[in-house]
N, C-alpha and C. Protein backbone atom coordinates (compact mmCIF):
# COMPACT_ATOMS: atom_id res chain seq x y z
N MET A 1 -45.91 5.50 -34.87
CA MET A 1 -47.12 4.86 -35.31
C MET A 1 -47.24 3.53 -34.60
N LEU A 2 -48.41 3.21 -34.16
CA LEU A 2 -48.65 1.97 -33.44
C LEU A 2 -49.26 0.95 -34.38
N THR A 3 -48.60 -0.19 -34.49
CA THR A 3 -49.09 -1.28 -35.33
C THR A 3 -49.23 -2.51 -34.45
N ILE A 4 -50.41 -3.08 -34.39
CA ILE A 4 -50.63 -4.25 -33.55
C ILE A 4 -50.32 -5.53 -34.31
N TYR A 5 -50.67 -5.61 -35.55
CA TYR A 5 -50.46 -6.82 -36.32
C TYR A 5 -49.05 -6.86 -36.88
N GLY A 6 -48.50 -8.06 -36.97
CA GLY A 6 -47.17 -8.24 -37.54
C GLY A 6 -47.24 -8.22 -39.06
N PRO A 7 -46.16 -8.69 -39.72
CA PRO A 7 -46.15 -8.72 -41.18
C PRO A 7 -47.29 -9.58 -41.72
N GLN A 8 -47.90 -9.13 -42.78
CA GLN A 8 -49.08 -9.82 -43.32
C GLN A 8 -48.69 -10.74 -44.47
N ASP A 9 -48.13 -11.87 -44.13
CA ASP A 9 -47.88 -12.90 -45.15
C ASP A 9 -48.40 -14.22 -44.61
N LYS A 10 -48.32 -15.27 -45.41
CA LYS A 10 -48.93 -16.55 -45.06
C LYS A 10 -48.23 -17.24 -43.88
N THR A 11 -46.93 -16.98 -43.68
CA THR A 11 -46.19 -17.70 -42.65
C THR A 11 -46.16 -16.98 -41.31
N SER A 12 -46.61 -15.75 -41.25
CA SER A 12 -46.51 -15.01 -40.00
C SER A 12 -47.67 -15.34 -39.08
N ARG A 13 -47.40 -15.23 -37.80
CA ARG A 13 -48.44 -15.42 -36.80
C ARG A 13 -48.97 -14.06 -36.37
N PHE A 14 -49.79 -14.05 -35.35
CA PHE A 14 -50.48 -12.83 -34.94
C PHE A 14 -49.53 -11.71 -34.54
N CYS A 15 -48.56 -11.97 -33.70
CA CYS A 15 -47.71 -10.89 -33.17
C CYS A 15 -46.25 -11.05 -33.56
N ASP A 16 -45.95 -11.68 -34.66
CA ASP A 16 -44.56 -11.81 -35.10
C ASP A 16 -44.00 -10.44 -35.40
N GLY A 17 -42.79 -10.19 -34.96
CA GLY A 17 -42.13 -8.94 -35.25
C GLY A 17 -42.47 -7.80 -34.31
N GLN A 18 -43.27 -8.05 -33.29
CA GLN A 18 -43.61 -6.99 -32.34
C GLN A 18 -42.58 -6.98 -31.22
N SER A 19 -42.15 -5.81 -30.85
CA SER A 19 -41.14 -5.68 -29.80
C SER A 19 -41.80 -5.55 -28.43
N ARG A 20 -40.99 -5.65 -27.42
CA ARG A 20 -41.48 -5.47 -26.05
C ARG A 20 -41.99 -4.04 -25.86
N ARG A 21 -41.34 -3.10 -26.51
CA ARG A 21 -41.77 -1.70 -26.41
C ARG A 21 -43.17 -1.51 -26.99
N ASP A 22 -43.47 -2.20 -28.10
CA ASP A 22 -44.81 -2.11 -28.68
C ASP A 22 -45.86 -2.63 -27.71
N PHE A 23 -45.56 -3.75 -27.04
CA PHE A 23 -46.51 -4.28 -26.07
C PHE A 23 -46.70 -3.32 -24.89
N LEU A 24 -45.62 -2.66 -24.46
CA LEU A 24 -45.75 -1.70 -23.37
C LEU A 24 -46.58 -0.48 -23.80
N LYS A 25 -46.42 -0.05 -25.04
CA LYS A 25 -47.24 1.07 -25.54
C LYS A 25 -48.71 0.69 -25.54
N ILE A 26 -49.00 -0.49 -26.04
CA ILE A 26 -50.39 -0.94 -26.10
C ILE A 26 -50.97 -1.09 -24.69
N GLY A 27 -50.19 -1.68 -23.78
CA GLY A 27 -50.65 -1.86 -22.40
C GLY A 27 -50.89 -0.53 -21.71
N GLY A 28 -50.02 0.44 -21.95
CA GLY A 28 -50.21 1.76 -21.36
C GLY A 28 -51.46 2.45 -21.87
N MET A 29 -51.71 2.30 -23.16
CA MET A 29 -52.92 2.92 -23.72
C MET A 29 -54.17 2.23 -23.20
N VAL A 30 -54.11 0.92 -23.01
CA VAL A 30 -55.26 0.19 -22.47
C VAL A 30 -55.54 0.64 -21.04
N MET A 31 -54.50 0.73 -20.21
CA MET A 31 -54.71 1.15 -18.83
C MET A 31 -55.22 2.59 -18.76
N GLY A 32 -54.69 3.45 -19.61
CA GLY A 32 -55.18 4.82 -19.65
C GLY A 32 -56.63 4.89 -20.11
N GLY A 33 -56.97 4.07 -21.09
CA GLY A 33 -58.33 4.05 -21.59
C GLY A 33 -59.32 3.52 -20.58
N LEU A 34 -58.89 2.53 -19.79
CA LEU A 34 -59.78 1.99 -18.77
C LEU A 34 -59.98 2.96 -17.60
N ALA A 35 -58.97 3.78 -17.31
CA ALA A 35 -59.06 4.71 -16.18
C ALA A 35 -59.69 6.04 -16.57
N LEU A 36 -59.82 6.33 -17.85
CA LEU A 36 -60.30 7.63 -18.29
C LEU A 36 -61.70 7.98 -17.80
N PRO A 37 -62.69 7.08 -17.87
CA PRO A 37 -64.03 7.47 -17.38
C PRO A 37 -64.05 7.85 -15.90
N GLN A 38 -63.30 7.11 -15.07
CA GLN A 38 -63.26 7.44 -13.65
C GLN A 38 -62.56 8.77 -13.42
N LEU A 39 -61.52 9.06 -14.18
CA LEU A 39 -60.81 10.33 -14.05
C LEU A 39 -61.70 11.50 -14.43
N LEU A 40 -62.43 11.37 -15.52
CA LEU A 40 -63.32 12.45 -15.95
C LEU A 40 -64.46 12.65 -14.97
N ALA A 41 -64.99 11.54 -14.41
CA ALA A 41 -66.06 11.66 -13.42
C ALA A 41 -65.56 12.33 -12.15
N ALA A 42 -64.35 12.00 -11.72
CA ALA A 42 -63.79 12.62 -10.51
C ALA A 42 -63.54 14.11 -10.73
N GLU A 43 -63.08 14.49 -11.90
CA GLU A 43 -62.88 15.92 -12.19
C GLU A 43 -64.21 16.66 -12.21
N ALA A 44 -65.25 16.03 -12.73
CA ALA A 44 -66.57 16.68 -12.77
C ALA A 44 -67.12 16.86 -11.36
N ARG A 45 -66.94 15.85 -10.50
CA ARG A 45 -67.42 15.96 -9.12
C ARG A 45 -66.65 17.02 -8.34
N ALA A 46 -65.36 17.16 -8.62
CA ALA A 46 -64.53 18.12 -7.89
C ALA A 46 -64.72 19.54 -8.39
N GLY A 47 -65.36 19.69 -9.52
CA GLY A 47 -65.60 21.02 -10.06
C GLY A 47 -64.36 21.64 -10.69
N ILE A 48 -63.47 20.82 -11.17
CA ILE A 48 -62.26 21.33 -11.81
C ILE A 48 -62.63 21.81 -13.20
N GLY A 49 -62.46 23.10 -13.43
CA GLY A 49 -62.76 23.67 -14.73
C GLY A 49 -61.53 23.68 -15.62
N LYS A 50 -61.75 24.00 -16.85
CA LYS A 50 -60.64 24.09 -17.78
C LYS A 50 -59.93 25.42 -17.58
N SER A 51 -58.64 25.38 -17.54
CA SER A 51 -57.88 26.62 -17.48
C SER A 51 -57.56 27.05 -18.91
N HIS A 52 -57.63 28.31 -19.14
CA HIS A 52 -57.39 28.83 -20.49
C HIS A 52 -55.96 29.30 -20.62
N LYS A 53 -55.04 28.46 -20.22
CA LYS A 53 -53.63 28.75 -20.34
C LYS A 53 -53.06 27.91 -21.47
N ALA A 54 -52.09 28.45 -22.13
CA ALA A 54 -51.46 27.73 -23.22
C ALA A 54 -49.97 28.02 -23.19
N ILE A 55 -49.24 27.19 -23.85
CA ILE A 55 -47.80 27.39 -23.95
C ILE A 55 -47.39 27.12 -25.39
N ILE A 56 -46.44 27.89 -25.84
CA ILE A 56 -45.85 27.64 -27.15
C ILE A 56 -44.41 27.23 -26.89
N ASN A 57 -44.09 26.00 -27.22
CA ASN A 57 -42.76 25.46 -26.99
C ASN A 57 -42.04 25.40 -28.33
N ILE A 58 -40.95 26.13 -28.44
CA ILE A 58 -40.16 26.13 -29.67
C ILE A 58 -38.83 25.47 -29.36
N PHE A 59 -38.57 24.35 -29.98
CA PHE A 59 -37.33 23.62 -29.76
C PHE A 59 -36.32 24.01 -30.82
N LEU A 60 -35.26 24.64 -30.39
CA LEU A 60 -34.19 25.04 -31.29
C LEU A 60 -32.91 24.32 -30.87
N PRO A 61 -32.50 23.29 -31.59
CA PRO A 61 -31.30 22.57 -31.19
C PRO A 61 -30.06 23.44 -31.39
N GLY A 62 -29.10 23.25 -30.53
CA GLY A 62 -27.87 24.01 -30.61
C GLY A 62 -27.83 25.08 -29.54
N GLY A 63 -26.71 25.73 -29.41
CA GLY A 63 -26.56 26.76 -28.39
C GLY A 63 -26.10 26.15 -27.08
N PRO A 64 -25.78 27.00 -26.09
CA PRO A 64 -25.31 26.48 -24.81
C PRO A 64 -26.45 25.88 -23.99
N PRO A 65 -26.15 24.89 -23.16
CA PRO A 65 -27.19 24.30 -22.31
C PRO A 65 -27.61 25.27 -21.20
N HIS A 66 -28.78 25.03 -20.65
CA HIS A 66 -29.30 25.95 -19.63
C HIS A 66 -28.45 25.93 -18.36
N GLN A 67 -27.74 24.84 -18.08
CA GLN A 67 -26.89 24.79 -16.89
C GLN A 67 -25.74 25.80 -17.01
N ASP A 68 -25.24 26.02 -18.21
CA ASP A 68 -24.13 26.95 -18.41
C ASP A 68 -24.59 28.40 -18.46
N MET A 69 -25.85 28.65 -18.69
CA MET A 69 -26.35 30.01 -18.81
C MET A 69 -26.92 30.55 -17.49
N TRP A 70 -26.83 29.80 -16.40
CA TRP A 70 -27.49 30.17 -15.15
C TRP A 70 -26.91 31.44 -14.54
N ASP A 71 -25.61 31.58 -14.46
CA ASP A 71 -24.99 32.71 -13.76
C ASP A 71 -24.38 33.74 -14.70
N LEU A 72 -24.85 33.87 -15.89
CA LEU A 72 -24.26 34.83 -16.80
C LEU A 72 -24.74 36.22 -16.57
């Protein structure tokens, strides 16, 4: 969950308690949001259609790693 404001009490300032990782998340979302209109316009000009492919990824922890199962 992304929280921009710090703790809401009388002594806290605007960004108290925010980590460097939180600022990087916010910055990444801002850069992605600013680039999104140009990306969508470029895809429309190139005629890139939607592919109707999907994947179902089921994560099951445990078992042997894929490196050990290569030559079985």
